[in-house]
Amino acid sequence: MENIENKETEIQFDSYAHFISGTIDPMTIEHASRWIMNAKFNKIEKPLTLHINSEGGDLGDAIGLVDLMRGVRPVRTLAYGNLMSAAFMIFVAGEKGYRAIGKNTTIMIHQFSDSLEGKYHDMKAYAKECDRYNDKMAQILSDCSNLTVKDVKHKLLKPTDVWLTAEDLVGYGIADIIF
């Protein structure tokens, strides 16, 4: 006989928690976006928690989710395993005071990166867009931490990948809790 109590707990857990794992891509972000919008429109009062274990992916998609998390409904973030690249941007946008990071999480951030082929003028125009992406990243990271935009560019958005510890994230005001 099925235990109804466990079934209700499972449904409740799914309503308040969502998991991002693997690559940050349009499908991953669509599922997370639907989860946030569903909570808003159904007036779910309990806190939402986004679990993140990802090596990153598309920054544009990640910034779309960041906008929802910051503008539509606060979301608590919990990271473990891997927190890299675009996933880092999603994590930092979590509700201040409720951004938890596993002590042994592999953490990496880097400047915006992409590849492009095409005509000279198209590539030149896209280079300006790449600069804007880097500026967006720096502003979001500054808004969600205790770092200035200048500090973000100097400490986090260096020309090479930047590897961090959970303690570093707490020190920068990017994470609040180490578990």
Foldseek 3Di string as FASTA:
>chain_A
DDDVVVVVVVVVCVLQEEEDEEEQDQVSLVVVLCSLVVCQVVVPDDAHEYEYAYQYYDQVSLVVSLCCCQPPHAHAYEYAAEQHESSLLNLLSHDQPRREYEQPYWYKYEQDDDDDDDDPVVVVVVVVVSVVSRQVSLVSNVVSWVDHSVCCCVQHHDHDMDIDGPVVCCVRNSGPYYD
